[in-house]
Amino acid sequence: MGTDAVPHVSEVGPRDAWNILSANTAAVLVDVRTKAEWGFVGGPDLSELGRDTIQIEWKSWPGMTPNPAFVGALLDEVGELPSAFLFLCRSGVRSLHAAEAVAAALAEAGLTVPCINVAEGFEGDLDQGCKRGGLNGWKARGLAWRQS
């Protein structure tokens, strides 16, 4: 999903994201959902891999206002750049935009770190009953997660 203006961001499904995180201890998972989503819906559980998910809001609820400090906060959080950033949100849209922003900031600084969007997100798409969490996404794929 790259253009000339935006560095390339690749996408993987949730199981592939788990496999990347399992095989690559220097890759990090960044959950860009809101504090409300983390608290009420839960989130990925990477304890089996001996690490935590980085949680930084891309947009803040309830107004879904953009977080202008997102890129700086993420880079401060990780310190040393990881081998890859994997971005996750509810369904894969916000995380794609966050991945593009980080990739662009890194490119502007002359740095290259793969930025990967987790397609389907944590809860996935709406099912026929207009509910999330059962059709696809991290939870529906049976990956480790926990309720806060």
N, C-alpha and C. Protein backbone atom coordinates (compact mmCIF):
# COMPACT_ATOMS: atom_id res chain seq x y z
N MET A 1 0.82 -1.18 0.00
CA MET A 1 0.00 0.00 0.00
C MET A 1 0.87 1.25 0.00
N GLY A 2 1.92 1.27 -0.75
CA GLY A 2 2.78 2.43 -0.76
C GLY A 2 2.54 3.31 -1.97
N THR A 3 2.92 4.55 -1.83
CA THR A 3 2.91 5.50 -2.93
C THR A 3 4.26 6.18 -2.96
N ASP A 4 4.48 7.05 -3.94
CA ASP A 4 5.74 7.78 -3.98
C ASP A 4 5.87 8.70 -2.77
N ALA A 5 4.75 9.21 -2.25
CA ALA A 5 4.77 10.14 -1.14
C ALA A 5 4.91 9.44 0.21
N VAL A 6 4.48 8.20 0.31
CA VAL A 6 4.49 7.48 1.58
C VAL A 6 5.34 6.22 1.43
N PRO A 7 6.31 6.03 2.34
CA PRO A 7 7.10 4.80 2.27
C PRO A 7 6.20 3.58 2.37
N HIS A 8 6.64 2.50 1.80
CA HIS A 8 5.86 1.27 1.74
C HIS A 8 5.59 0.69 3.13
N VAL A 9 4.36 0.33 3.35
CA VAL A 9 3.94 -0.38 4.56
C VAL A 9 3.36 -1.70 4.10
N SER A 10 3.89 -2.79 4.62
CA SER A 10 3.35 -4.09 4.24
C SER A 10 2.24 -4.48 5.21
N GLU A 11 1.50 -5.52 4.84
CA GLU A 11 0.42 -6.02 5.69
C GLU A 11 0.53 -7.53 5.84
N VAL A 12 0.20 -8.00 7.03
CA VAL A 12 0.13 -9.43 7.29
C VAL A 12 -1.13 -9.69 8.10
N GLY A 13 -1.58 -10.92 8.08
CA GLY A 13 -2.70 -11.31 8.91
C GLY A 13 -2.25 -11.51 10.35
N PRO A 14 -3.19 -11.65 11.28
CA PRO A 14 -2.83 -11.81 12.68
C PRO A 14 -1.93 -13.01 12.98
N ARG A 15 -2.18 -14.15 12.35
CA ARG A 15 -1.33 -15.32 12.62
C ARG A 15 0.10 -15.09 12.13
N ASP A 16 0.23 -14.45 10.97
CA ASP A 16 1.57 -14.13 10.48
C ASP A 16 2.26 -13.13 11.39
N ALA A 17 1.49 -12.20 11.94
CA ALA A 17 2.06 -11.23 12.90
C ALA A 17 2.59 -11.97 14.12
N TRP A 18 1.79 -12.91 14.64
CA TRP A 18 2.24 -13.71 15.79
C TRP A 18 3.52 -14.48 15.44
N ASN A 19 3.56 -15.06 14.25
CA ASN A 19 4.75 -15.81 13.84
C ASN A 19 5.98 -14.91 13.75
N ILE A 20 5.80 -13.70 13.24
CA ILE A 20 6.93 -12.75 13.17
C ILE A 20 7.40 -12.43 14.58
N LEU A 21 6.47 -12.12 15.47
CA LEU A 21 6.84 -11.78 16.84
C LEU A 21 7.48 -12.97 17.56
N SER A 22 7.02 -14.18 17.26
CA SER A 22 7.59 -15.38 17.87
C SER A 22 9.01 -15.64 17.41
N ALA A 23 9.26 -15.45 16.12
CA ALA A 23 10.57 -15.76 15.54
C ALA A 23 11.57 -14.62 15.69
N ASN A 24 11.09 -13.40 15.86
CA ASN A 24 11.96 -12.23 15.85
C ASN A 24 11.80 -11.47 17.16
N THR A 25 12.69 -11.72 18.10
CA THR A 25 12.57 -11.09 19.42
C THR A 25 12.82 -9.58 19.39
N ALA A 26 13.34 -9.07 18.28
CA ALA A 26 13.60 -7.63 18.17
C ALA A 26 12.45 -6.90 17.48
N ALA A 27 11.39 -7.60 17.10
CA ALA A 27 10.21 -6.96 16.51
C ALA A 27 9.27 -6.57 17.65
N VAL A 28 8.53 -5.47 17.45
CA VAL A 28 7.60 -5.02 18.49
C VAL A 28 6.19 -4.88 17.93
N LEU A 29 5.21 -5.12 18.79
CA LEU A 29 3.81 -4.95 18.44
C LEU A 29 3.31 -3.65 19.08
N VAL A 30 2.74 -2.78 18.26
CA VAL A 30 2.24 -1.49 18.72
C VAL A 30 0.72 -1.48 18.56
N ASP A 31 0.01 -1.44 19.67
CA ASP A 31 -1.45 -1.39 19.67
C ASP A 31 -1.85 0.09 19.71
N VAL A 32 -2.45 0.57 18.63
CA VAL A 32 -2.76 2.00 18.49
C VAL A 32 -4.21 2.33 18.85
N ARG A 33 -4.93 1.37 19.42
CA ARG A 33 -6.33 1.62 19.78
C ARG A 33 -6.40 2.61 20.94
N THR A 34 -7.60 2.89 21.40
CA THR A 34 -7.79 3.85 22.48
C THR A 34 -7.70 3.18 23.85
N LYS A 35 -7.50 4.02 24.88
CA LYS A 35 -7.47 3.51 26.25
C LYS A 35 -8.77 2.78 26.57
N ALA A 36 -9.89 3.31 26.08
CA ALA A 36 -11.18 2.64 26.31
C ALA A 36 -11.19 1.24 25.71
N GLU A 37 -10.66 1.10 24.50
CA GLU A 37 -10.62 -0.23 23.86
C GLU A 37 -9.73 -1.18 24.64
N TRP A 38 -8.57 -0.72 25.07
CA TRP A 38 -7.69 -1.59 25.84
C TRP A 38 -8.38 -2.05 27.12
N GLY A 39 -9.10 -1.13 27.77
CA GLY A 39 -9.73 -1.46 29.03
C GLY A 39 -10.97 -2.33 28.91
N PHE A 40 -11.80 -2.05 27.91
CA PHE A 40 -13.07 -2.75 27.80
C PHE A 40 -13.04 -3.97 26.89
N VAL A 41 -12.17 -3.96 25.88
CA VAL A 41 -12.15 -5.05 24.89
C VAL A 41 -11.02 -6.03 25.16
N GLY A 42 -9.94 -5.57 25.77
CA GLY A 42 -8.77 -6.40 25.99
C GLY A 42 -7.74 -6.17 24.91
N GLY A 43 -6.69 -6.98 24.94
CA GLY A 43 -5.63 -6.80 23.95
C GLY A 43 -4.75 -8.03 23.83
N PRO A 44 -3.86 -7.99 22.85
CA PRO A 44 -2.94 -9.11 22.65
C PRO A 44 -2.13 -9.40 23.91
N ASP A 45 -1.87 -10.66 24.14
CA ASP A 45 -1.09 -11.11 25.29
C ASP A 45 0.20 -11.74 24.77
N LEU A 46 1.29 -11.01 24.90
CA LEU A 46 2.59 -11.51 24.43
C LEU A 46 3.43 -12.10 25.55
N SER A 47 2.82 -12.38 26.71
CA SER A 47 3.58 -12.89 27.84
C SER A 47 4.26 -14.22 27.52
N GLU A 48 3.64 -15.02 26.67
CA GLU A 48 4.24 -16.29 26.24
C GLU A 48 5.58 -16.04 25.52
N LEU A 49 5.70 -14.86 24.92
CA LEU A 49 6.92 -14.48 24.21
C LEU A 49 7.87 -13.68 25.10
N GLY A 50 7.47 -13.47 26.35
CA GLY A 50 8.32 -12.76 27.30
C GLY A 50 8.39 -11.26 27.09
N ARG A 51 7.33 -10.69 26.55
CA ARG A 51 7.32 -9.23 26.35
C ARG A 51 5.90 -8.70 26.35
N ASP A 52 5.82 -7.38 26.26
CA ASP A 52 4.54 -6.69 26.29
C ASP A 52 4.28 -6.00 24.96
N THR A 53 3.01 -5.70 24.75
CA THR A 53 2.59 -4.88 23.62
C THR A 53 2.78 -3.42 24.01
N ILE A 54 3.27 -2.62 23.08
CA ILE A 54 3.36 -1.18 23.31
C ILE A 54 1.98 -0.60 23.00
N GLN A 55 1.45 0.19 23.92
CA GLN A 55 0.13 0.80 23.74
C GLN A 55 0.28 2.32 23.67
N ILE A 56 0.01 2.87 22.49
CA ILE A 56 0.00 4.31 22.29
C ILE A 56 -1.18 4.64 21.38
N GLU A 57 -2.05 5.51 21.85
CA GLU A 57 -3.22 5.88 21.06
C GLU A 57 -2.83 6.64 19.80
N TRP A 58 -3.38 6.21 18.66
CA TRP A 58 -3.25 6.96 17.42
C TRP A 58 -4.28 8.08 17.40
N LYS A 59 -5.49 7.77 17.88
CA LYS A 59 -6.56 8.74 18.04
C LYS A 59 -7.18 8.51 19.41
N SER A 60 -7.65 9.59 20.02
CA SER A 60 -8.20 9.49 21.37
C SER A 60 -9.72 9.53 21.37
N TRP A 61 -10.32 8.65 22.16
CA TRP A 61 -11.76 8.58 22.31
C TRP A 61 -12.17 9.59 23.36
N PRO A 62 -13.32 10.26 23.28
CA PRO A 62 -14.44 9.94 22.42
C PRO A 62 -14.43 10.68 21.09
N GLY A 63 -13.69 11.74 20.96
CA GLY A 63 -13.73 12.54 19.73
C GLY A 63 -12.91 11.98 18.60
N MET A 64 -12.12 10.96 18.88
CA MET A 64 -11.20 10.35 17.91
C MET A 64 -10.29 11.42 17.30
N THR A 65 -9.78 12.27 18.18
CA THR A 65 -8.85 13.31 17.75
C THR A 65 -7.46 12.69 17.59
N PRO A 66 -6.76 13.05 16.51
CA PRO A 66 -5.42 12.50 16.27
C PRO A 66 -4.45 12.86 17.38
N ASN A 67 -3.54 11.99 17.64
CA ASN A 67 -2.48 12.19 18.63
C ASN A 67 -1.26 12.75 17.90
N PRO A 68 -1.00 14.06 17.97
CA PRO A 68 0.12 14.65 17.24
C PRO A 68 1.48 14.19 17.76
N ALA A 69 1.51 13.64 18.96
CA ALA A 69 2.77 13.19 19.55
C ALA A 69 3.02 11.70 19.35
N PHE A 70 2.20 11.04 18.53
CA PHE A 70 2.27 9.58 18.39
C PHE A 70 3.67 9.09 18.00
N VAL A 71 4.21 9.61 16.91
CA VAL A 71 5.51 9.11 16.42
C VAL A 71 6.60 9.32 17.46
N GLY A 72 6.67 10.51 18.01
CA GLY A 72 7.68 10.80 19.03
C GLY A 72 7.54 9.93 20.26
N ALA A 73 6.29 9.73 20.70
CA ALA A 73 6.05 8.88 21.87
C ALA A 73 6.48 7.44 21.61
N LEU A 74 6.20 6.94 20.41
CA LEU A 74 6.60 5.58 20.07
C LEU A 74 8.11 5.45 20.04
N LEU A 75 8.77 6.37 19.38
CA LEU A 75 10.24 6.30 19.29
C LEU A 75 10.88 6.45 20.67
N ASP A 76 10.31 7.28 21.54
CA ASP A 76 10.81 7.39 22.92
C ASP A 76 10.60 6.09 23.67
N GLU A 77 9.44 5.46 23.46
CA GLU A 77 9.11 4.21 24.16
C GLU A 77 10.08 3.08 23.81
N VAL A 78 10.41 2.96 22.51
CA VAL A 78 11.27 1.84 22.11
C VAL A 78 12.74 2.12 22.35
N GLY A 79 13.14 3.39 22.40
CA GLY A 79 14.56 3.70 22.57
C GLY A 79 15.33 3.29 21.33
N GLU A 80 15.98 2.15 21.41
CA GLU A 80 16.69 1.61 20.25
C GLU A 80 15.67 1.06 19.25
N LEU A 81 15.87 1.37 17.99
CA LEU A 81 14.91 0.93 16.98
C LEU A 81 14.83 -0.59 16.90
N PRO A 82 13.61 -1.11 16.80
CA PRO A 82 13.45 -2.56 16.67
C PRO A 82 13.77 -3.02 15.25
N SER A 83 13.74 -4.32 15.04
CA SER A 83 13.97 -4.86 13.70
C SER A 83 12.73 -4.68 12.82
N ALA A 84 11.56 -4.54 13.46
CA ALA A 84 10.31 -4.31 12.74
C ALA A 84 9.27 -3.79 13.72
N PHE A 85 8.40 -2.93 13.20
CA PHE A 85 7.22 -2.48 13.93
C PHE A 85 6.01 -3.17 13.33
N LEU A 86 5.19 -3.78 14.17
CA LEU A 86 3.89 -4.32 13.73
C LEU A 86 2.82 -3.48 14.41
N PHE A 87 1.87 -2.97 13.63
CA PHE A 87 0.84 -2.06 14.13
C PHE A 87 -0.51 -2.75 14.11
N LEU A 88 -1.27 -2.57 15.20
CA LEU A 88 -2.56 -3.23 15.38
C LEU A 88 -3.58 -2.22 15.88
N CYS A 89 -4.79 -2.29 15.34
CA CYS A 89 -5.92 -1.52 15.87
C CYS A 89 -7.13 -2.44 15.91
N ARG A 90 -8.33 -1.88 15.88
CA ARG A 90 -9.54 -2.70 15.95
C ARG A 90 -9.71 -3.55 14.69
N SER A 91 -9.58 -2.90 13.51
CA SER A 91 -9.87 -3.62 12.27
C SER A 91 -8.81 -3.45 11.18
N GLY A 92 -7.75 -2.71 11.46
CA GLY A 92 -6.66 -2.56 10.51
C GLY A 92 -6.58 -1.23 9.79
N VAL A 93 -7.49 -0.30 10.07
CA VAL A 93 -7.49 0.99 9.38
C VAL A 93 -6.61 2.01 10.09
N ARG A 94 -6.88 2.25 11.38
CA ARG A 94 -6.04 3.21 12.13
C ARG A 94 -4.59 2.76 12.17
N SER A 95 -4.38 1.47 12.32
CA SER A 95 -3.01 0.96 12.41
C SER A 95 -2.26 1.16 11.10
N LEU A 96 -2.96 1.09 9.98
CA LEU A 96 -2.32 1.36 8.69
C LEU A 96 -1.85 2.81 8.64
N HIS A 97 -2.70 3.73 9.07
CA HIS A 97 -2.32 5.14 9.06
C HIS A 97 -1.16 5.41 10.01
N ALA A 98 -1.17 4.76 11.17
CA ALA A 98 -0.07 4.91 12.12
C ALA A 98 1.23 4.36 11.54
N ALA A 99 1.15 3.20 10.89
CA ALA A 99 2.33 2.61 10.26
C ALA A 99 2.90 3.52 9.18
N GLU A 100 2.02 4.12 8.40
CA GLU A 100 2.47 5.04 7.34
C GLU A 100 3.16 6.26 7.95
N ALA A 101 2.62 6.78 9.05
CA ALA A 101 3.22 7.95 9.69
C ALA A 101 4.61 7.63 10.24
N VAL A 102 4.75 6.48 10.85
CA VAL A 102 6.06 6.09 11.40
C VAL A 102 7.05 5.82 10.27
N ALA A 103 6.61 5.12 9.24
CA ALA A 103 7.50 4.85 8.10
C ALA A 103 7.97 6.16 7.46
N ALA A 104 7.07 7.12 7.34
CA ALA A 104 7.43 8.41 6.74
C ALA A 104 8.42 9.16 7.62
N ALA A 105 8.19 9.16 8.93
CA ALA A 105 9.10 9.85 9.84
C ALA A 105 10.48 9.21 9.83
N LEU A 106 10.52 7.88 9.80
CA LEU A 106 11.81 7.19 9.76
C LEU A 106 12.53 7.48 8.45
N ALA A 107 11.80 7.45 7.34
CA ALA A 107 12.40 7.74 6.03
C ALA A 107 12.95 9.15 6.00
N GLU A 108 12.22 10.10 6.58
CA GLU A 108 12.68 11.49 6.61
C GLU A 108 13.98 11.63 7.40
N ALA A 109 14.15 10.76 8.41
CA ALA A 109 15.36 10.77 9.21
C ALA A 109 16.45 9.89 8.60
N GLY A 110 16.19 9.30 7.43
CA GLY A 110 17.16 8.43 6.78
C GLY A 110 17.26 7.06 7.39
N LEU A 111 16.23 6.63 8.09
CA LEU A 111 16.22 5.33 8.75
C LEU A 111 15.22 4.40 8.07
N THR A 112 15.52 3.13 8.10
CA THR A 112 14.61 2.14 7.51
C THR A 112 14.35 1.04 8.52
N VAL A 113 13.10 0.93 8.92
CA VAL A 113 12.64 -0.16 9.76
C VAL A 113 11.33 -0.62 9.15
N PRO A 114 11.18 -1.91 8.86
CA PRO A 114 9.90 -2.37 8.31
C PRO A 114 8.73 -1.99 9.21
N CYS A 115 7.73 -1.40 8.61
CA CYS A 115 6.48 -1.06 9.31
C CYS A 115 5.39 -1.92 8.70
N ILE A 116 4.78 -2.75 9.52
CA ILE A 116 3.85 -3.78 9.06
C ILE A 116 2.49 -3.58 9.73
N ASN A 117 1.46 -3.46 8.93
CA ASN A 117 0.11 -3.37 9.45
C ASN A 117 -0.46 -4.77 9.66
N VAL A 118 -1.11 -4.96 10.80
CA VAL A 118 -1.79 -6.23 11.06
C VAL A 118 -3.21 -6.10 10.51
N ALA A 119 -3.40 -6.63 9.31
CA ALA A 119 -4.72 -6.59 8.67
C ALA A 119 -5.70 -7.37 9.54
N GLU A 120 -6.93 -6.99 9.53
CA GLU A 120 -8.02 -7.54 10.33
C GLU A 120 -8.03 -6.96 11.74
N GLY A 121 -6.91 -6.49 12.24
CA GLY A 121 -6.86 -5.89 13.57
C GLY A 121 -7.13 -6.87 14.69
N PHE A 122 -7.47 -6.31 15.85
CA PHE A 122 -7.71 -7.13 17.03
C PHE A 122 -9.10 -7.76 17.01
N GLU A 123 -10.11 -6.98 16.63
CA GLU A 123 -11.49 -7.48 16.65
C GLU A 123 -12.01 -7.88 15.28
N GLY A 124 -11.38 -7.44 14.21
CA GLY A 124 -11.79 -7.83 12.88
C GLY A 124 -12.99 -7.07 12.35
N ASP A 125 -13.52 -7.59 11.26
CA ASP A 125 -14.63 -6.96 10.56
C ASP A 125 -15.96 -7.29 11.25
N LEU A 126 -16.97 -6.52 10.91
CA LEU A 126 -18.32 -6.79 11.39
C LEU A 126 -18.86 -8.07 10.74
N ASP A 127 -19.53 -8.89 11.54
CA ASP A 127 -20.17 -10.08 10.98
C ASP A 127 -21.58 -9.72 10.51
N GLN A 128 -22.36 -10.71 10.12
CA GLN A 128 -23.71 -10.45 9.62
C GLN A 128 -24.62 -9.84 10.69
N GLY A 129 -24.29 -10.07 11.94
CA GLY A 129 -25.06 -9.50 13.04
C GLY A 129 -24.53 -8.16 13.51
N CYS A 130 -23.59 -7.59 12.72
CA CYS A 130 -22.98 -6.28 13.04
C CYS A 130 -22.20 -6.31 14.35
N LYS A 131 -21.52 -7.43 14.60
CA LYS A 131 -20.68 -7.57 15.79
C LYS A 131 -19.26 -7.92 15.35
N ARG A 132 -18.30 -7.47 16.13
CA ARG A 132 -16.90 -7.77 15.87
C ARG A 132 -16.40 -8.85 16.83
N GLY A 133 -15.29 -9.46 16.47
CA GLY A 133 -14.63 -10.40 17.36
C GLY A 133 -14.84 -11.86 17.01
N GLY A 134 -15.68 -12.16 16.05
CA GLY A 134 -15.93 -13.55 15.72
C GLY A 134 -15.63 -13.93 14.29
N LEU A 135 -15.61 -12.96 13.40
CA LEU A 135 -15.42 -13.24 11.98
C LEU A 135 -13.95 -13.40 11.62
N ASN A 136 -13.15 -12.43 12.01
CA ASN A 136 -11.71 -12.47 11.76
C ASN A 136 -11.03 -11.57 12.78
N GLY A 137 -9.75 -11.36 12.66
CA GLY A 137 -9.01 -10.56 13.63
C GLY A 137 -8.25 -11.43 14.61
N TRP A 138 -7.44 -10.76 15.42
CA TRP A 138 -6.55 -11.42 16.39
C TRP A 138 -7.32 -12.39 17.28
N LYS A 139 -8.42 -11.91 17.88
CA LYS A 139 -9.20 -12.75 18.80
C LYS A 139 -9.81 -13.94 18.08
N ALA A 140 -10.44 -13.71 16.95
CA ALA A 140 -11.13 -14.78 16.22
C ALA A 140 -10.15 -15.82 15.67
N ARG A 141 -8.91 -15.44 15.47
CA ARG A 141 -7.91 -16.38 14.97
C ARG A 141 -7.32 -17.23 16.10
N GLY A 142 -7.80 -17.02 17.32
CA GLY A 142 -7.38 -17.85 18.45
C GLY A 142 -6.02 -17.51 19.01
N LEU A 143 -5.57 -16.28 18.77
CA LEU A 143 -4.27 -15.87 19.29
C LEU A 143 -4.40 -15.40 20.74
N ALA A 144 -3.30 -15.44 21.47
CA ALA A 144 -3.31 -15.10 22.89
C ALA A 144 -3.75 -13.65 23.11
N TRP A 145 -4.71 -13.49 24.02
CA TRP A 145 -5.17 -12.15 24.39
C TRP A 145 -5.69 -12.21 25.82
N ARG A 146 -5.83 -11.02 26.40
CA ARG A 146 -6.36 -10.97 27.75
C ARG A 146 -7.22 -9.73 27.93
N GLN A 147 -8.15 -9.87 28.85
CA GLN A 147 -9.03 -8.77 29.22
C GLN A 147 -8.32 -8.00 30.34
N SER A 148 -8.40 -6.69 30.30
CA SER A 148 -7.75 -5.87 31.33
C SER A 148 -8.54 -5.89 32.62
